[in-house]
Amino acid sequence: MAQKQENLSKNQKIVLDYIEKANQPLKAYSILFNVQKKGLKAPPQVYRALDKLIEMGKIHKIESRNSYIACQNSSCQLEKATAFSICESCDKVTEISNHSLSKYLSNIKDKNGMKFNRYNLEFFGLCKKCKV
């Protein structure tokens, strides 16, 4: 899904373009290896681009896989819940866009009264294809 790339640096555009074209989550060093011909030569260049793209809501980090995926929800906002379904067999990752889940989580506070600004939830199971 091509997203607006206004206000992105050259490195951010290169990294975002590569992630958007991928059909699976990508690790930072895999991104680096594949974009070196476009001028990104060092890990800090890729990590800075990844951090900024996450901050902008254009990509998400799949924590359990230490990998990155393009945002699949055009109305995604950082203060909303970000949730993913991850197939334990084929590793397919899908972003879950569920208003009820977001609304429920937006009201949760910890025992000290801290209200959370953002979430990264990962649900594991088997996709329809792997269930068969």
C-alpha atoms as a PDB file:
ATOM      1  CA  MET A   1       0.000   0.000   0.000  1.00  0.00           C
ATOM      2  CA  ALA A   2       1.686   3.197  -1.134  1.00  0.00           C
ATOM      3  CA  GLN A   3       1.314   5.909   1.464  1.00  0.00           C
ATOM      4  CA  LYS A   4       2.009   9.610   1.261  1.00  0.00           C
ATOM      5  CA  GLN A   5       5.738  10.157   1.377  1.00  0.00           C
ATOM      6  CA  GLU A   6       5.664  13.918   1.897  1.00  0.00           C
ATOM      7  CA  ASN A   7       8.069  15.322   4.466  1.00  0.00           C
ATOM      8  CA  LEU A   8      10.248  12.209   4.420  1.00  0.00           C
ATOM      9  CA  SER A   9      14.018  12.322   4.087  1.00  0.00           C
ATOM     10  CA  LYS A  10      15.669  10.479   1.213  1.00  0.00           C
ATOM     11  CA  ASN A  11      16.651   7.605   3.525  1.00  0.00           C
ATOM     12  CA  GLN A  12      13.155   7.381   5.006  1.00  0.00           C
ATOM     13  CA  LYS A  13      11.635   7.219   1.508  1.00  0.00           C
ATOM     14  CA  ILE A  14      14.020   4.441   0.475  1.00  0.00           C
ATOM     15  CA  VAL A  15      13.339   2.377   3.595  1.00  0.00           C
ATOM     16  CA  LEU A  16       9.559   2.929   3.473  1.00  0.00           C
ATOM     17  CA  ASP A  17       9.413   2.018  -0.215  1.00  0.00           C
ATOM     18  CA  TYR A  18      11.285  -1.236   0.413  1.00  0.00           C
ATOM     19  CA  ILE A  19       9.118  -2.179   3.410  1.00  0.00           C
ATOM     20  CA  GLU A  20       5.881  -1.382   1.546  1.00  0.00           C
ATOM     21  CA  LYS A  21       6.890  -3.685  -1.321  1.00  0.00           C
ATOM     22  CA  ALA A  22       7.698  -6.588   0.993  1.00  0.00           C
ATOM     23  CA  ASN A  23       5.114  -9.283   1.593  1.00  0.00           C
ATOM     24  CA  GLN A  24       6.434 -10.061   5.068  1.00  0.00           C
ATOM     25  CA  PRO A  25       7.994  -8.294   8.052  1.00  0.00           C
ATOM     26  CA  LEU A  26      11.654  -7.385   7.513  1.00  0.00           C
ATOM     27  CA  LYS A  27      14.605  -7.253   9.900  1.00  0.00           C
ATOM     28  CA  ALA A  28      16.759  -4.111   9.926  1.00  0.00           C
ATOM     29  CA  TYR A  29      19.865  -5.813   8.545  1.00  0.00           C
ATOM     30  CA  SER A  30      17.857  -7.359   5.715  1.00  0.00           C
ATOM     31  CA  ILE A  31      16.611  -3.872   4.864  1.00  0.00           C
ATOM     32  CA  LEU A  32      20.154  -2.517   4.996  1.00  0.00           C
ATOM     33  CA  PHE A  33      21.472  -5.279   2.730  1.00  0.00           C
ATOM     34  CA  ASN A  34      18.747  -4.617   0.163  1.00  0.00           C
ATOM     35  CA  VAL A  35      18.966  -0.817   0.086  1.00  0.00           C
ATOM     36  CA  GLN A  36      22.758  -0.422   0.043  1.00  0.00           C
ATOM     37  CA  LYS A  37      22.727   0.206  -3.713  1.00  0.00           C
ATOM     38  CA  LYS A  38      20.523   3.229  -3.047  1.00  0.00           C
ATOM     39  CA  GLY A  39      23.047   4.868  -0.738  1.00  0.00           C
ATOM     40  CA  LEU A  40      22.295   3.582   2.759  1.00  0.00           C
ATOM     41  CA  LYS A  41      25.563   2.009   3.831  1.00  0.00           C
ATOM     42  CA  ALA A  42      25.530   1.924   7.648  1.00  0.00           C
ATOM     43  CA  PRO A  43      23.137   0.431  10.213  1.00  0.00           C
ATOM     44  CA  PRO A  44      22.559   3.786  11.987  1.00  0.00           C
ATOM     45  CA  GLN A  45      21.136   5.224   8.760  1.00  0.00           C
ATOM     46  CA  VAL A  46      18.557   2.438   8.577  1.00  0.00           C
ATOM     47  CA  TYR A  47      17.739   2.513  12.289  1.00  0.00           C
ATOM     48  CA  ARG A  48      17.212   6.299  12.252  1.00  0.00           C
ATOM     49  CA  ALA A  49      14.883   5.957   9.259  1.00  0.00           C
ATOM     50  CA  LEU A  50      12.991   3.096  10.942  1.00  0.00           C
ATOM     51  CA  ASP A  51      12.599   5.032  14.202  1.00  0.00           C
ATOM     52  CA  LYS A  52      11.241   8.094  12.410  1.00  0.00           C
ATOM     53  CA  LEU A  53       8.860   6.021  10.247  1.00  0.00           C
ATOM     54  CA  ILE A  54       7.493   4.352  13.389  1.00  0.00           C
ATOM     55  CA  GLU A  55       7.072   7.761  15.028  1.00  0.00           C
ATOM     56  CA  MET A  56       5.161   8.961  11.956  1.00  0.00           C
ATOM     57  CA  GLY A  57       2.887   5.891  12.013  1.00  0.00           C
ATOM     58  CA  LYS A  58       4.011   4.674   8.575  1.00  0.00           C
ATOM     59  CA  ILE A  59       5.473   1.382   9.815  1.00  0.00           C
ATOM     60  CA  HIS A  60       5.216  -0.801  12.904  1.00  0.00           C
ATOM     61  CA  LYS A  61       7.714  -2.952  14.727  1.00  0.00           C
ATOM     62  CA  ILE A  62       6.746  -6.549  15.354  1.00  0.00           C
ATOM     63  CA  GLU A  63       8.468  -6.884  18.729  1.00  0.00           C
ATOM     64  CA  SER A  64       8.442 -10.672  18.949  1.00  0.00           C
ATOM     65  CA  ARG A  65      10.112 -10.949  15.539  1.00  0.00           C
ATOM     66  CA  ASN A  66      12.322  -7.839  15.851  1.00  0.00           C
ATOM     67  CA  SER A  67      11.096  -6.898  12.396  1.00  0.00           C
ATOM     68  CA  TYR A  68       9.192  -4.132  10.647  1.00  0.00           C
ATOM     69  CA  ILE A  69       6.033  -3.999   8.549  1.00  0.00           C
ATOM     70  CA  ALA A  70       4.243  -1.208   6.671  1.00  0.00           C
ATOM     71  CA  CYS A  71       1.136   0.160   8.332  1.00  0.00           C
ATOM     72  CA  GLN A  72      -1.888  -1.411   6.656  1.00  0.00           C
ATOM     73  CA  ASN A  73      -4.410   0.948   8.216  1.00  0.00           C
ATOM     74  CA  SER A  74      -4.598   4.368   6.564  1.00  0.00           C
ATOM     75  CA  SER A  75      -6.236   5.901   9.647  1.00  0.00           C
ATOM     76  CA  CYS A  76      -3.720   4.427  12.085  1.00  0.00           C
ATOM     77  CA  GLN A  77      -2.839   6.721  14.972  1.00  0.00           C
ATOM     78  CA  LEU A  78      -0.101   6.183  17.532  1.00  0.00           C
ATOM     79  CA  GLU A  79      -2.438   6.681  20.461  1.00  0.00           C
ATOM     80  CA  LYS A  80      -4.619   3.820  19.277  1.00  0.00           C
ATOM     81  CA  ALA A  81      -3.865   0.179  19.837  1.00  0.00           C
ATOM     82  CA  THR A  82      -1.704  -1.509  17.283  1.00  0.00           C
ATOM     83  CA  ALA A  83      -2.400  -5.201  17.200  1.00  0.00           C
ATOM     84  CA  PHE A  84      -1.217  -7.994  14.958  1.00  0.00           C
ATOM     85  CA  SER A  85      -2.235 -11.570  14.312  1.00  0.00           C
ATOM     86  CA  ILE A  86       0.799 -13.766  13.698  1.00  0.00           C
ATOM     87  CA  CYS A  87       0.520 -17.276  12.301  1.00  0.00           C
ATOM     88  CA  GLU A  88       2.725 -19.659  14.275  1.00  0.00           C
ATOM     89  CA  SER A  89       3.113 -21.905  11.243  1.00  0.00           C
ATOM     90  CA  CYS A  90       3.732 -19.663   8.202  1.00  0.00           C
ATOM     91  CA  ASP A  91       4.666 -16.446  10.095  1.00  0.00           C
ATOM     92  CA  LYS A  92       2.077 -14.379   8.188  1.00  0.00           C
ATOM     93  CA  VAL A  93       1.494 -11.081  10.010  1.00  0.00           C
ATOM     94  CA  THR A  94      -1.715  -9.096   9.658  1.00  0.00           C
ATOM     95  CA  GLU A  95      -2.470  -5.755  11.274  1.00  0.00           C
ATOM     96  CA  ILE A  96      -5.716  -5.885  13.228  1.00  0.00           C
ATOM     97  CA  SER A  97      -7.921  -2.836  12.892  1.00  0.00           C
ATOM     98  CA  ASN A  98     -10.630  -3.219  15.507  1.00  0.00           C
ATOM     99  CA  HIS A  99     -12.383  -0.142  16.889  1.00  0.00           C
ATOM    100  CA  SER A 100     -13.800  -2.054  19.885  1.00  0.00           C
ATOM    101  CA  LEU A 101     -10.362  -3.283  20.886  1.00  0.00           C
ATOM    102  CA  SER A 102      -8.881   0.206  20.533  1.00  0.00           C
ATOM    103  CA  LYS A 103     -11.697   1.746  22.575  1.00  0.00           C
ATOM    104  CA  TYR A 104     -11.385  -0.899  25.295  1.00  0.00           C
ATOM    105  CA  LEU A 105      -7.615  -0.489  25.588  1.00  0.00           C
ATOM    106  CA  SER A 106      -7.777   3.308  25.584  1.00  0.00           C
ATOM    107  CA  ASN A 107      -9.537   3.158  28.956  1.00  0.00           C
ATOM    108  CA  ILE A 108      -7.099   0.800  30.691  1.00  0.00           C
ATOM    109  CA  LYS A 109      -4.893   2.166  33.460  1.00  0.00           C
ATOM    110  CA  ASP A 110      -2.342   0.350  35.590  1.00  0.00           C
ATOM    111  CA  LYS A 111      -2.656   0.109  39.386  1.00  0.00           C
ATOM    112  CA  ASN A 112      -0.761   3.419  39.782  1.00  0.00           C
ATOM    113  CA  GLY A 113      -3.193   5.250  37.514  1.00  0.00           C
ATOM    114  CA  MET A 114      -0.891   5.419  34.479  1.00  0.00           C
ATOM    115  CA  LYS A 115      -2.903   5.772  31.305  1.00  0.00           C
ATOM    116  CA  PHE A 116      -1.156   4.284  28.305  1.00  0.00           C
ATOM    117  CA  ASN A 117      -0.520   6.272  25.129  1.00  0.00           C
ATOM    118  CA  ARG A 118       0.135   3.420  22.742  1.00  0.00           C
ATOM    119  CA  TYR A 119       0.074  -0.329  22.507  1.00  0.00           C
ATOM    120  CA  ASN A 120       1.747  -3.041  20.507  1.00  0.00           C
ATOM    121  CA  LEU A 121      -0.179  -6.276  20.882  1.00  0.00           C
ATOM    122  CA  GLU A 122       0.641  -9.533  19.170  1.00  0.00           C
ATOM    123  CA  PHE A 123      -1.794 -12.426  18.996  1.00  0.00           C
ATOM    124  CA  PHE A 124      -0.512 -15.848  17.953  1.00  0.00           C
ATOM    125  CA  GLY A 125      -2.418 -18.720  16.369  1.00  0.00           C
ATOM    126  CA  LEU A 126      -2.946 -20.416  13.029  1.00  0.00           C
ATOM    127  CA  CYS A 127      -4.231 -18.618   9.950  1.00  0.00           C
ATOM    128  CA  LYS A 128      -7.040 -20.139   7.846  1.00  0.00           C
ATOM    129  CA  LYS A 129      -4.567 -21.568   5.355  1.00  0.00           C
ATOM    130  CA  CYS A 130      -2.469 -23.327   8.034  1.00  0.00           C
ATOM    131  CA  LYS A 131      -5.475 -24.592  10.035  1.00  0.00           C
ATOM    132  CA  VAL A 132      -6.422 -27.009   7.306  1.00  0.00           C
END
